[in-house]
């Protein structure tokens, strides 16, 4: 009888400890983007690194429509962090554009890497400059993506009406590549890291010569209306096979964000792990080379830093202001 009582007692203790362990386990979802871009593989790598190095954390990456969707997920109050472009994050924080109905209580965990706008076509479509898009079939990005936000702003700055002047499709980068191969569209917008796998696929397609359309000239117009969040930048001609020249384009920064209600310890651990295990993320995608402590500046993001992340940066001697 005594042994049975001991066994029951031990079983009860094990169950209690098991429940305690389950209760202390922290599930975290990382909102990324489509499978053809950089957000998804980077998010998968980040999920693996956080699960491996943060005690009790189980992180998973989710395919989403992109920045706008990610910000809405972060705003849902569920345990999400998300990748986003800073222009979409600014809209969410201020309650503007796609977030007019509801502001998102968003905070910056980290400034990540620059996102380059690709305006892609191929030889034979008679598109050599922005104005040539008039009357063409053009993908402006998937619904819920920051590609769509930025594409609309570029068209607007170029004096083109997104609804009247182009025959608009709303495709992901992978879908856009397939559509241009099938002669269903003439060009597509995509904002992402370098290189983007889907664009590399198009550039390496036999019998296809990729053309990247310059558009850096509209950056001052965009910044005048939306704030100084865009940068005239360059995609080097060595990035994608067949590029005839460096591509002068618009760039915006990517940031990692969380809800302001995330506890400080979790935000601290996420920031710490991203930077202290950066080599593991570089092995997933080389854009992680751009994850730099010196880039953690208030001027680099339109969204305030989360106090937990700010604490880590302060410990590393980084002054956010």
C-alpha atoms as a PDB file:
ATOM      1  CA  UNK A   1       0.000   0.000   0.000  1.00  0.00           C
ATOM      2  CA  UNK A   2       2.810   2.376   0.933  1.00  0.00           C
ATOM      3  CA  UNK A   3       4.570   1.715  -2.403  1.00  0.00           C
ATOM      4  CA  UNK A   4       1.329   2.345  -4.247  1.00  0.00           C
ATOM      5  CA  UNK A   5       0.860   5.652  -2.405  1.00  0.00           C
ATOM      6  CA  UNK A   6       4.445   6.600  -3.251  1.00  0.00           C
ATOM      7  CA  UNK A   7       3.857   5.711  -6.914  1.00  0.00           C
ATOM      8  CA  UNK A   8       0.658   7.767  -6.991  1.00  0.00           C
ATOM      9  CA  UNK A   9       2.462  10.607  -5.257  1.00  0.00           C
ATOM     10  CA  UNK A  10       5.335  10.502  -7.719  1.00  0.00           C
ATOM     11  CA  UNK A  11       2.924  10.262 -10.628  1.00  0.00           C
ATOM     12  CA  UNK A  12       1.044  13.268  -9.290  1.00  0.00           C
ATOM     13  CA  UNK A  13       4.311  15.165  -8.868  1.00  0.00           C
ATOM     14  CA  UNK A  14       5.351  14.283 -12.423  1.00  0.00           C
ATOM     15  CA  UNK A  15       1.979  15.422 -13.728  1.00  0.00           C
ATOM     16  CA  UNK A  16       2.250  18.650 -11.774  1.00  0.00           C
ATOM     17  CA  UNK A  17       5.753  19.271 -13.091  1.00  0.00           C
ATOM     18  CA  UNK A  18       4.591  18.422 -16.595  1.00  0.00           C
ATOM     19  CA  UNK A  19       1.741  20.889 -16.369  1.00  0.00           C
ATOM     20  CA  UNK A  20       4.082  23.509 -14.971  1.00  0.00           C
ATOM     21  CA  UNK A  21       6.503  22.934 -17.832  1.00  0.00           C
ATOM     22  CA  UNK A  22       3.683  23.173 -20.351  1.00  0.00           C
ATOM     23  CA  UNK A  23       2.425  26.347 -18.704  1.00  0.00           C
ATOM     24  CA  UNK A  24       5.897  27.883 -18.809  1.00  0.00           C
ATOM     25  CA  UNK A  25       6.451  26.965 -22.467  1.00  0.00           C
ATOM     26  CA  UNK A  26       6.199  30.053 -24.626  1.00  0.00           C
ATOM     27  CA  UNK A  27       4.761  29.680 -28.103  1.00  0.00           C
ATOM     28  CA  UNK A  28       5.611  32.420 -30.565  1.00  0.00           C
ATOM     29  CA  UNK A  29       4.556  32.830 -34.180  1.00  0.00           C
ATOM     30  CA  UNK A  30       6.689  34.785 -36.632  1.00  0.00           C
ATOM     31  CA  UNK A  31       4.645  36.462 -39.376  1.00  0.00           C
ATOM     32  CA  UNK A  32       6.749  36.436 -42.545  1.00  0.00           C
ATOM     33  CA  UNK A  33       5.574  36.663 -46.176  1.00  0.00           C
ATOM     34  CA  UNK A  34       5.282  34.561 -49.308  1.00  0.00           C
ATOM     35  CA  UNK A  35       7.561  31.616 -49.991  1.00  0.00           C
ATOM     36  CA  UNK A  36       9.299  33.342 -52.928  1.00  0.00           C
ATOM     37  CA  UNK A  37      10.703  36.227 -50.907  1.00  0.00           C
ATOM     38  CA  UNK A  38      13.255  36.695 -48.116  1.00  0.00           C
ATOM     39  CA  UNK A  39      10.914  37.099 -45.128  1.00  0.00           C
ATOM     40  CA  UNK A  40       9.846  33.443 -45.142  1.00  0.00           C
ATOM     41  CA  UNK A  41      13.269  31.728 -45.119  1.00  0.00           C
ATOM     42  CA  UNK A  42      14.603  34.372 -42.748  1.00  0.00           C
ATOM     43  CA  UNK A  43      11.615  33.834 -40.471  1.00  0.00           C
ATOM     44  CA  UNK A  44      12.167  30.090 -40.548  1.00  0.00           C
ATOM     45  CA  UNK A  45      15.787  30.584 -39.541  1.00  0.00           C
ATOM     46  CA  UNK A  46      14.783  33.003 -36.803  1.00  0.00           C
ATOM     47  CA  UNK A  47      12.188  30.561 -35.459  1.00  0.00           C
ATOM     48  CA  UNK A  48      14.823  27.813 -35.281  1.00  0.00           C
ATOM     49  CA  UNK A  49      17.334  30.081 -33.533  1.00  0.00           C
ATOM     50  CA  UNK A  50      14.824  31.379 -30.975  1.00  0.00           C
ATOM     51  CA  UNK A  51      13.525  27.877 -30.238  1.00  0.00           C
ATOM     52  CA  UNK A  52      17.083  26.613 -29.804  1.00  0.00           C
ATOM     53  CA  UNK A  53      18.513  29.401 -27.669  1.00  0.00           C
ATOM     54  CA  UNK A  54      15.666  30.955 -25.656  1.00  0.00           C
ATOM     55  CA  UNK A  55      14.703  28.573 -22.817  1.00  0.00           C
ATOM     56  CA  UNK A  56      11.051  27.535 -22.980  1.00  0.00           C
ATOM     57  CA  UNK A  57      10.342  29.241 -26.302  1.00  0.00           C
ATOM     58  CA  UNK A  58       8.817  27.378 -29.240  1.00  0.00           C
ATOM     59  CA  UNK A  59       8.764  29.630 -32.299  1.00  0.00           C
ATOM     60  CA  UNK A  60       7.286  28.874 -35.712  1.00  0.00           C
ATOM     61  CA  UNK A  61       7.259  30.823 -38.989  1.00  0.00           C
ATOM     62  CA  UNK A  62       4.002  31.441 -40.831  1.00  0.00           C
ATOM     63  CA  UNK A  63       3.424  32.217 -44.510  1.00  0.00           C
ATOM     64  CA  UNK A  64       1.447  35.483 -44.822  1.00  0.00           C
ATOM     65  CA  UNK A  65       0.568  38.121 -47.376  1.00  0.00           C
ATOM     66  CA  UNK A  66       3.381  40.343 -46.091  1.00  0.00           C
ATOM     67  CA  UNK A  67       3.858  43.481 -44.028  1.00  0.00           C
ATOM     68  CA  UNK A  68       0.263  44.707 -43.784  1.00  0.00           C
ATOM     69  CA  UNK A  69      -1.024  41.281 -42.787  1.00  0.00           C
ATOM     70  CA  UNK A  70       1.858  40.883 -40.347  1.00  0.00           C
ATOM     71  CA  UNK A  71       1.067  44.159 -38.622  1.00  0.00           C
ATOM     72  CA  UNK A  72      -2.567  43.150 -38.250  1.00  0.00           C
ATOM     73  CA  UNK A  73      -1.489  39.834 -36.716  1.00  0.00           C
ATOM     74  CA  UNK A  74       0.805  41.662 -34.283  1.00  0.00           C
ATOM     75  CA  UNK A  75      -2.117  43.918 -33.417  1.00  0.00           C
ATOM     76  CA  UNK A  76      -4.398  40.932 -32.747  1.00  0.00           C
ATOM     77  CA  UNK A  77      -2.958  40.446 -29.281  1.00  0.00           C
ATOM     78  CA  UNK A  78      -1.899  36.885 -30.068  1.00  0.00           C
ATOM     79  CA  UNK A  79       1.788  35.926 -29.521  1.00  0.00           C
ATOM     80  CA  UNK A  80       3.211  37.263 -32.779  1.00  0.00           C
ATOM     81  CA  UNK A  81       6.280  39.089 -33.931  1.00  0.00           C
ATOM     82  CA  UNK A  82       6.455  40.114 -37.557  1.00  0.00           C
ATOM     83  CA  UNK A  83       8.614  41.360 -40.368  1.00  0.00           C
ATOM     84  CA  UNK A  84       7.488  44.616 -41.924  1.00  0.00           C
ATOM     85  CA  UNK A  85       8.718  47.437 -44.063  1.00  0.00           C
ATOM     86  CA  UNK A  86       9.019  50.690 -42.147  1.00  0.00           C
ATOM     87  CA  UNK A  87       6.507  52.560 -44.346  1.00  0.00           C
ATOM     88  CA  UNK A  88       3.731  50.045 -43.589  1.00  0.00           C
ATOM     89  CA  UNK A  89       4.735  50.074 -39.899  1.00  0.00           C
ATOM     90  CA  UNK A  90       4.473  53.866 -39.849  1.00  0.00           C
ATOM     91  CA  UNK A  91       0.950  53.672 -41.254  1.00  0.00           C
ATOM     92  CA  UNK A  92      -0.032  51.078 -38.638  1.00  0.00           C
ATOM     93  CA  UNK A  93       1.455  53.108 -35.792  1.00  0.00           C
ATOM     94  CA  UNK A  94      -0.292  56.303 -36.906  1.00  0.00           C
ATOM     95  CA  UNK A  95      -3.539  54.693 -38.078  1.00  0.00           C
ATOM     96  CA  UNK A  96      -3.179  55.796 -41.688  1.00  0.00           C
ATOM     97  CA  UNK A  97      -3.807  54.345 -45.162  1.00  0.00           C
ATOM     98  CA  UNK A  98      -4.658  50.618 -44.756  1.00  0.00           C
ATOM     99  CA  UNK A  99      -4.919  51.112 -40.981  1.00  0.00           C
ATOM    100  CA  UNK A 100      -7.330  54.070 -40.919  1.00  0.00           C
ATOM    101  CA  UNK A 101      -9.931  52.000 -39.115  1.00  0.00           C
ATOM    102  CA  UNK A 102      -7.591  50.904 -36.350  1.00  0.00           C
ATOM    103  CA  UNK A 103      -4.129  51.849 -35.134  1.00  0.00           C
ATOM    104  CA  UNK A 104      -1.784  49.019 -34.223  1.00  0.00           C
ATOM    105  CA  UNK A 105       0.023  49.232 -30.838  1.00  0.00           C
ATOM    106  CA  UNK A 106       3.276  48.234 -32.516  1.00  0.00           C
ATOM    107  CA  UNK A 107       6.852  48.522 -31.228  1.00  0.00           C
ATOM    108  CA  UNK A 108      10.219  47.915 -32.879  1.00  0.00           C
ATOM    109  CA  UNK A 109      12.291  44.943 -31.743  1.00  0.00           C
ATOM    110  CA  UNK A 110      15.085  45.429 -34.290  1.00  0.00           C
ATOM    111  CA  UNK A 111      16.022  47.291 -37.446  1.00  0.00           C
ATOM    112  CA  UNK A 112      16.969  44.505 -39.850  1.00  0.00           C
ATOM    113  CA  UNK A 113      18.044  45.001 -43.469  1.00  0.00           C
ATOM    114  CA  UNK A 114      17.221  47.203 -46.469  1.00  0.00           C
ATOM    115  CA  UNK A 115      14.401  46.149 -48.768  1.00  0.00           C
ATOM    116  CA  UNK A 116      14.983  47.024 -52.408  1.00  0.00           C
ATOM    117  CA  UNK A 117      12.121  47.737 -54.754  1.00  0.00           C
ATOM    118  CA  UNK A 118      12.414  45.609 -57.878  1.00  0.00           C
ATOM    119  CA  UNK A 119      10.473  46.787 -60.924  1.00  0.00           C
ATOM    120  CA  UNK A 120      10.936  43.800 -63.189  1.00  0.00           C
ATOM    121  CA  UNK A 121      10.151  43.134 -66.823  1.00  0.00           C
ATOM    122  CA  UNK A 122      11.740  41.110 -69.621  1.00  0.00           C
ATOM    123  CA  UNK A 123      12.879  41.926 -73.116  1.00  0.00           C
ATOM    124  CA  UNK A 124      10.116  42.262 -75.659  1.00  0.00           C
ATOM    125  CA  UNK A 125       7.528  43.941 -73.390  1.00  0.00           C
ATOM    126  CA  UNK A 126       8.392  47.518 -74.462  1.00  0.00           C
ATOM    127  CA  UNK A 127       8.947  48.720 -70.912  1.00  0.00           C
ATOM    128  CA  UNK A 128      12.121  50.737 -70.356  1.00  0.00           C
ATOM    129  CA  UNK A 129      10.934  53.440 -67.921  1.00  0.00           C
ATOM    130  CA  UNK A 130       8.156  54.083 -65.405  1.00  0.00           C
ATOM    131  CA  UNK A 131       5.921  55.935 -67.838  1.00  0.00           C
ATOM    132  CA  UNK A 132       5.944  52.890 -70.144  1.00  0.00           C
ATOM    133  CA  UNK A 133       3.760  51.058 -67.605  1.00  0.00           C
ATOM    134  CA  UNK A 134       0.739  53.018 -68.803  1.00  0.00           C
ATOM    135  CA  UNK A 135      -1.674  50.608 -70.452  1.00  0.00           C
ATOM    136  CA  UNK A 136       0.376  47.556 -69.441  1.00  0.00           C
ATOM    137  CA  UNK A 137      -0.582  44.536 -67.351  1.00  0.00           C
ATOM    138  CA  UNK A 138       1.311  45.062 -64.090  1.00  0.00           C
ATOM    139  CA  UNK A 139       1.379  43.180 -60.788  1.00  0.00           C
ATOM    140  CA  UNK A 140       1.644  45.536 -57.828  1.00  0.00           C
ATOM    141  CA  UNK A 141       2.096  42.810 -55.215  1.00  0.00           C
ATOM    142  CA  UNK A 142      -0.157  40.530 -53.227  1.00  0.00           C
ATOM    143  CA  UNK A 143      -3.014  41.913 -51.112  1.00  0.00           C
ATOM    144  CA  UNK A 144      -1.809  42.623 -47.598  1.00  0.00           C
ATOM    145  CA  UNK A 145       1.782  43.238 -48.683  1.00  0.00           C
ATOM    146  CA  UNK A 146       4.007  46.259 -48.278  1.00  0.00           C
ATOM    147  CA  UNK A 147       5.000  45.734 -51.915  1.00  0.00           C
ATOM    148  CA  UNK A 148       1.501  46.917 -52.790  1.00  0.00           C
ATOM    149  CA  UNK A 149       1.799  49.942 -50.494  1.00  0.00           C
ATOM    150  CA  UNK A 150       5.112  51.021 -51.993  1.00  0.00           C
ATOM    151  CA  UNK A 151       4.142  50.199 -55.590  1.00  0.00           C
ATOM    152  CA  UNK A 152       1.094  52.461 -55.304  1.00  0.00           C
ATOM    153  CA  UNK A 153       3.303  55.272 -53.986  1.00  0.00           C
ATOM    154  CA  UNK A 154       5.801  54.879 -56.821  1.00  0.00           C
ATOM    155  CA  UNK A 155       3.033  54.958 -59.435  1.00  0.00           C
ATOM    156  CA  UNK A 156       1.515  58.005 -57.744  1.00  0.00           C
ATOM    157  CA  UNK A 157       4.886  59.805 -57.656  1.00  0.00           C
ATOM    158  CA  UNK A 158       5.329  59.031 -61.359  1.00  0.00           C
ATOM    159  CA  UNK A 159       1.984  60.624 -62.152  1.00  0.00           C
ATOM    160  CA  UNK A 160       0.254  57.326 -62.920  1.00  0.00           C
ATOM    161  CA  UNK A 161      -3.183  56.354 -61.612  1.00  0.00           C
ATOM    162  CA  UNK A 162      -3.004  52.830 -60.180  1.00  0.00           C
ATOM    163  CA  UNK A 163      -6.612  52.125 -61.123  1.00  0.00           C
ATOM    164  CA  UNK A 164      -6.879  53.843 -64.503  1.00  0.00           C
ATOM    165  CA  UNK A 165      -3.411  53.856 -66.054  1.00  0.00           C
ATOM    166  CA  UNK A 166      -2.333  50.242 -65.503  1.00  0.00           C
ATOM    167  CA  UNK A 167      -4.116  46.916 -65.842  1.00  0.00           C
ATOM    168  CA  UNK A 168      -3.382  45.851 -62.316  1.00  0.00           C
ATOM    169  CA  UNK A 169      -2.904  42.363 -60.907  1.00  0.00           C
ATOM    170  CA  UNK A 170      -2.319  41.557 -57.221  1.00  0.00           C
ATOM    171  CA  UNK A 171       0.182  38.707 -57.260  1.00  0.00           C
ATOM    172  CA  UNK A 172       2.914  37.470 -54.951  1.00  0.00           C
ATOM    173  CA  UNK A 173       6.458  37.537 -56.274  1.00  0.00           C
ATOM    174  CA  UNK A 174       6.352  33.821 -57.118  1.00  0.00           C
ATOM    175  CA  UNK A 175       3.007  34.252 -58.875  1.00  0.00           C
ATOM    176  CA  UNK A 176       4.323  37.327 -60.695  1.00  0.00           C
ATOM    177  CA  UNK A 177       7.308  35.413 -62.041  1.00  0.00           C
ATOM    178  CA  UNK A 178       5.056  32.644 -63.330  1.00  0.00           C
ATOM    179  CA  UNK A 179       2.680  35.192 -64.868  1.00  0.00           C
ATOM    180  CA  UNK A 180       5.435  37.041 -66.716  1.00  0.00           C
ATOM    181  CA  UNK A 181       6.811  33.722 -67.994  1.00  0.00           C
ATOM    182  CA  UNK A 182       3.306  32.877 -69.274  1.00  0.00           C
ATOM    183  CA  UNK A 183       2.921  36.312 -70.962  1.00  0.00           C
ATOM    184  CA  UNK A 184       0.028  37.213 -68.647  1.00  0.00           C
ATOM    185  CA  UNK A 185       1.682  40.366 -67.298  1.00  0.00           C
ATOM    186  CA  UNK A 186       4.266  42.788 -68.670  1.00  0.00           C
ATOM    187  CA  UNK A 187       5.998  43.821 -65.455  1.00  0.00           C
ATOM    188  CA  UNK A 188       5.814  43.446 -61.705  1.00  0.00           C
ATOM    189  CA  UNK A 189       6.771  45.254 -58.536  1.00  0.00           C
ATOM    190  CA  UNK A 190       8.467  43.394 -55.714  1.00  0.00           C
ATOM    191  CA  UNK A 191      10.206  44.842 -52.685  1.00  0.00           C
ATOM    192  CA  UNK A 192      12.549  42.467 -50.925  1.00  0.00           C
ATOM    193  CA  UNK A 193      16.067  41.531 -49.935  1.00  0.00           C
ATOM    194  CA  UNK A 194      18.929  40.581 -52.223  1.00  0.00           C
ATOM    195  CA  UNK A 195      18.845  38.213 -53.861  1.00  0.00           C
ATOM    196  CA  UNK A 196      15.171  37.282 -54.009  1.00  0.00           C
ATOM    197  CA  UNK A 197      14.830  33.632 -55.010  1.00  0.00           C
ATOM    198  CA  UNK A 198      11.863  34.128 -57.359  1.00  0.00           C
ATOM    199  CA  UNK A 199      13.623  36.930 -59.262  1.00  0.00           C
ATOM    200  CA  UNK A 200      16.757  34.785 -59.513  1.00  0.00           C
ATOM    201  CA  UNK A 201      14.587  32.039 -60.999  1.00  0.00           C
ATOM    202  CA  UNK A 202      13.245  34.410 -63.650  1.00  0.00           C
ATOM    203  CA  UNK A 203      16.711  35.740 -64.484  1.00  0.00           C
ATOM    204  CA  UNK A 204      18.019  32.183 -64.927  1.00  0.00           C
ATOM    205  CA  UNK A 205      15.148  31.038 -67.148  1.00  0.00           C
ATOM    206  CA  UNK A 206      16.492  29.950 -70.570  1.00  0.00           C
ATOM    207  CA  UNK A 207      15.477  32.264 -73.390  1.00  0.00           C
ATOM    208  CA  UNK A 208      14.557  35.076 -70.970  1.00  0.00           C
ATOM    209  CA  UNK A 209      16.461  38.332 -70.502  1.00  0.00           C
ATOM    210  CA  UNK A 210      15.490  40.218 -67.374  1.00  0.00           C
ATOM    211  CA  UNK A 211      15.174  44.014 -67.346  1.00  0.00           C
ATOM    212  CA  UNK A 212      15.128  46.078 -64.156  1.00  0.00           C
ATOM    213  CA  UNK A 213      13.438  49.472 -64.563  1.00  0.00           C
ATOM    214  CA  UNK A 214      15.044  52.503 -62.912  1.00  0.00           C
ATOM    215  CA  UNK A 215      12.743  54.532 -60.670  1.00  0.00           C
ATOM    216  CA  UNK A 216      14.978  56.243 -58.078  1.00  0.00           C
ATOM    217  CA  UNK A 217      13.983  59.606 -59.545  1.00  0.00           C
ATOM    218  CA  UNK A 218      10.618  59.462 -57.731  1.00  0.00           C
ATOM    219  CA  UNK A 219      12.103  59.002 -54.249  1.00  0.00           C
ATOM    220  CA  UNK A 220      12.136  62.756 -53.414  1.00  0.00           C
ATOM    221  CA  UNK A 221       8.452  63.008 -54.392  1.00  0.00           C
ATOM    222  CA  UNK A 222       7.583  60.036 -52.178  1.00  0.00           C
ATOM    223  CA  UNK A 223       9.536  61.396 -49.230  1.00  0.00           C
ATOM    224  CA  UNK A 224       7.909  64.801 -49.540  1.00  0.00           C
ATOM    225  CA  UNK A 225       4.495  63.227 -48.988  1.00  0.00           C
ATOM    226  CA  UNK A 226       5.259  60.292 -46.700  1.00  0.00           C
ATOM    227  CA  UNK A 227       8.297  61.368 -44.687  1.00  0.00           C
ATOM    228  CA  UNK A 228      11.964  60.542 -45.104  1.00  0.00           C
ATOM    229  CA  UNK A 229      11.582  56.767 -45.078  1.00  0.00           C
ATOM    230  CA  UNK A 230      12.730  56.026 -48.634  1.00  0.00           C
ATOM    231  CA  UNK A 231      16.244  56.043 -50.026  1.00  0.00           C
ATOM    232  CA  UNK A 232      17.549  56.257 -53.589  1.00  0.00           C
ATOM    233  CA  UNK A 233      19.648  53.112 -53.868  1.00  0.00           C
ATOM    234  CA  UNK A 234      21.154  50.629 -56.334  1.00  0.00           C
ATOM    235  CA  UNK A 235      20.802  46.955 -57.153  1.00  0.00           C
ATOM    236  CA  UNK A 236      24.159  46.018 -58.713  1.00  0.00           C
ATOM    237  CA  UNK A 237      24.066  44.432 -62.158  1.00  0.00           C
ATOM    238  CA  UNK A 238      25.890  41.397 -60.783  1.00  0.00           C
ATOM    239  CA  UNK A 239      22.925  40.537 -58.534  1.00  0.00           C
ATOM    240  CA  UNK A 240      20.758  38.851 -61.177  1.00  0.00           C
ATOM    241  CA  UNK A 241      21.898  37.110 -64.336  1.00  0.00           C
ATOM    242  CA  UNK A 242      21.366  39.141 -67.486  1.00  0.00           C
ATOM    243  CA  UNK A 243      21.102  42.605 -65.934  1.00  0.00           C
ATOM    244  CA  UNK A 244      22.579  45.084 -68.432  1.00  0.00           C
ATOM    245  CA  UNK A 245      23.373  47.797 -65.867  1.00  0.00           C
ATOM    246  CA  UNK A 246      23.063  48.727 -62.209  1.00  0.00           C
ATOM    247  CA  UNK A 247      19.435  49.377 -61.310  1.00  0.00           C
ATOM    248  CA  UNK A 248      18.676  52.750 -59.689  1.00  0.00           C
ATOM    249  CA  UNK A 249      15.761  52.083 -57.386  1.00  0.00           C
ATOM    250  CA  UNK A 250      13.971  52.941 -54.136  1.00  0.00           C
ATOM    251  CA  UNK A 251      14.852  51.251 -50.849  1.00  0.00           C
ATOM    252  CA  UNK A 252      13.064  51.080 -47.494  1.00  0.00           C
ATOM    253  CA  UNK A 253      14.216  49.451 -44.264  1.00  0.00           C
ATOM    254  CA  UNK A 254      12.789  46.252 -42.807  1.00  0.00           C
ATOM    255  CA  UNK A 255      12.075  46.082 -39.114  1.00  0.00           C
ATOM    256  CA  UNK A 256      11.008  43.329 -36.728  1.00  0.00           C
ATOM    257  CA  UNK A 257       8.029  44.362 -34.613  1.00  0.00           C
ATOM    258  CA  UNK A 258       5.933  43.182 -31.692  1.00  0.00           C
ATOM    259  CA  UNK A 259       2.867  44.346 -29.825  1.00  0.00           C
ATOM    260  CA  UNK A 260       3.564  46.949 -27.135  1.00  0.00           C
ATOM    261  CA  UNK A 261       2.027  44.506 -24.637  1.00  0.00           C
ATOM    262  CA  UNK A 262       4.788  41.933 -25.116  1.00  0.00           C
ATOM    263  CA  UNK A 263       6.571  41.527 -21.798  1.00  0.00           C
ATOM    264  CA  UNK A 264       9.988  43.149 -21.534  1.00  0.00           C
ATOM    265  CA  UNK A 265      11.849  39.898 -20.861  1.00  0.00           C
ATOM    266  CA  UNK A 266      10.576  38.274 -24.047  1.00  0.00           C
ATOM    267  CA  UNK A 267      11.409  41.307 -26.166  1.00  0.00           C
ATOM    268  CA  UNK A 268      14.851  41.443 -24.549  1.00  0.00           C
ATOM    269  CA  UNK A 269      15.513  37.759 -25.261  1.00  0.00           C
ATOM    270  CA  UNK A 270      14.429  38.074 -28.891  1.00  0.00           C
ATOM    271  CA  UNK A 271      16.697  41.063 -29.547  1.00  0.00           C
ATOM    272  CA  UNK A 272      19.615  39.463 -27.694  1.00  0.00           C
ATOM    273  CA  UNK A 273      19.310  36.161 -29.551  1.00  0.00           C
ATOM    274  CA  UNK A 274      18.996  37.750 -32.995  1.00  0.00           C
ATOM    275  CA  UNK A 275      22.260  39.615 -32.575  1.00  0.00           C
ATOM    276  CA  UNK A 276      24.247  37.123 -30.526  1.00  0.00           C
ATOM    277  CA  UNK A 277      23.332  34.221 -32.836  1.00  0.00           C
ATOM    278  CA  UNK A 278      23.526  36.264 -36.030  1.00  0.00           C
ATOM    279  CA  UNK A 279      25.954  33.829 -37.673  1.00  0.00           C
ATOM    280  CA  UNK A 280      23.280  31.142 -37.604  1.00  0.00           C
ATOM    281  CA  UNK A 281      20.895  33.500 -39.397  1.00  0.00           C
ATOM    282  CA  UNK A 282      23.525  34.463 -41.987  1.00  0.00           C
ATOM    283  CA  UNK A 283      23.779  30.760 -42.811  1.00  0.00           C
ATOM    284  CA  UNK A 284      20.072  30.877 -43.706  1.00  0.00           C
ATOM    285  CA  UNK A 285      20.204  34.075 -45.789  1.00  0.00           C
ATOM    286  CA  UNK A 286      23.051  36.513 -46.304  1.00  0.00           C
ATOM    287  CA  UNK A 287      20.792  39.556 -45.709  1.00  0.00           C
ATOM    288  CA  UNK A 288      21.293  38.780 -42.021  1.00  0.00           C
ATOM    289  CA  UNK A 289      24.769  40.261 -42.489  1.00  0.00           C
ATOM    290  CA  UNK A 290      22.953  43.603 -42.379  1.00  0.00           C
ATOM    291  CA  UNK A 291      21.639  42.957 -38.853  1.00  0.00           C
ATOM    292  CA  UNK A 292      23.916  45.430 -37.084  1.00  0.00           C
ATOM    293  CA  UNK A 293      23.822  46.948 -33.621  1.00  0.00           C
ATOM    294  CA  UNK A 294      24.917  50.301 -35.018  1.00  0.00           C
ATOM    295  CA  UNK A 295      21.742  50.385 -37.133  1.00  0.00           C
ATOM    296  CA  UNK A 296      19.547  50.362 -34.034  1.00  0.00           C
ATOM    297  CA  UNK A 297      18.641  54.029 -34.054  1.00  0.00           C
ATOM    298  CA  UNK A 298      15.410  55.892 -33.448  1.00  0.00           C
ATOM    299  CA  UNK A 299      16.007  57.647 -36.764  1.00  0.00           C
ATOM    300  CA  UNK A 300      16.069  54.273 -38.555  1.00  0.00           C
ATOM    301  CA  UNK A 301      12.510  53.302 -37.639  1.00  0.00           C
ATOM    302  CA  UNK A 302       9.280  55.332 -37.494  1.00  0.00           C
ATOM    303  CA  UNK A 303       8.027  53.102 -34.651  1.00  0.00           C
ATOM    304  CA  UNK A 304       9.339  53.439 -31.056  1.00  0.00           C
ATOM    305  CA  UNK A 305      11.544  50.657 -29.721  1.00  0.00           C
ATOM    306  CA  UNK A 306      10.077  48.149 -27.295  1.00  0.00           C
ATOM    307  CA  UNK A 307      11.510  48.814 -23.790  1.00  0.00           C
ATOM    308  CA  UNK A 308      12.756  45.221 -23.517  1.00  0.00           C
ATOM    309  CA  UNK A 309      14.705  45.467 -26.767  1.00  0.00           C
ATOM    310  CA  UNK A 310      15.949  48.935 -25.798  1.00  0.00           C
ATOM    311  CA  UNK A 311      17.330  47.476 -22.558  1.00  0.00           C
ATOM    312  CA  UNK A 312      19.448  44.988 -24.508  1.00  0.00           C
ATOM    313  CA  UNK A 313      20.788  47.682 -26.827  1.00  0.00           C
ATOM    314  CA  UNK A 314      21.639  49.881 -23.847  1.00  0.00           C
ATOM    315  CA  UNK A 315      23.640  47.011 -22.328  1.00  0.00           C
ATOM    316  CA  UNK A 316      25.587  46.792 -25.609  1.00  0.00           C
ATOM    317  CA  UNK A 317      26.379  50.513 -25.467  1.00  0.00           C
ATOM    318  CA  UNK A 318      23.977  51.464 -28.260  1.00  0.00           C
ATOM    319  CA  UNK A 319      22.369  54.879 -27.979  1.00  0.00           C
ATOM    320  CA  UNK A 320      19.035  54.724 -29.745  1.00  0.00           C
ATOM    321  CA  UNK A 321      18.614  58.498 -30.087  1.00  0.00           C
END
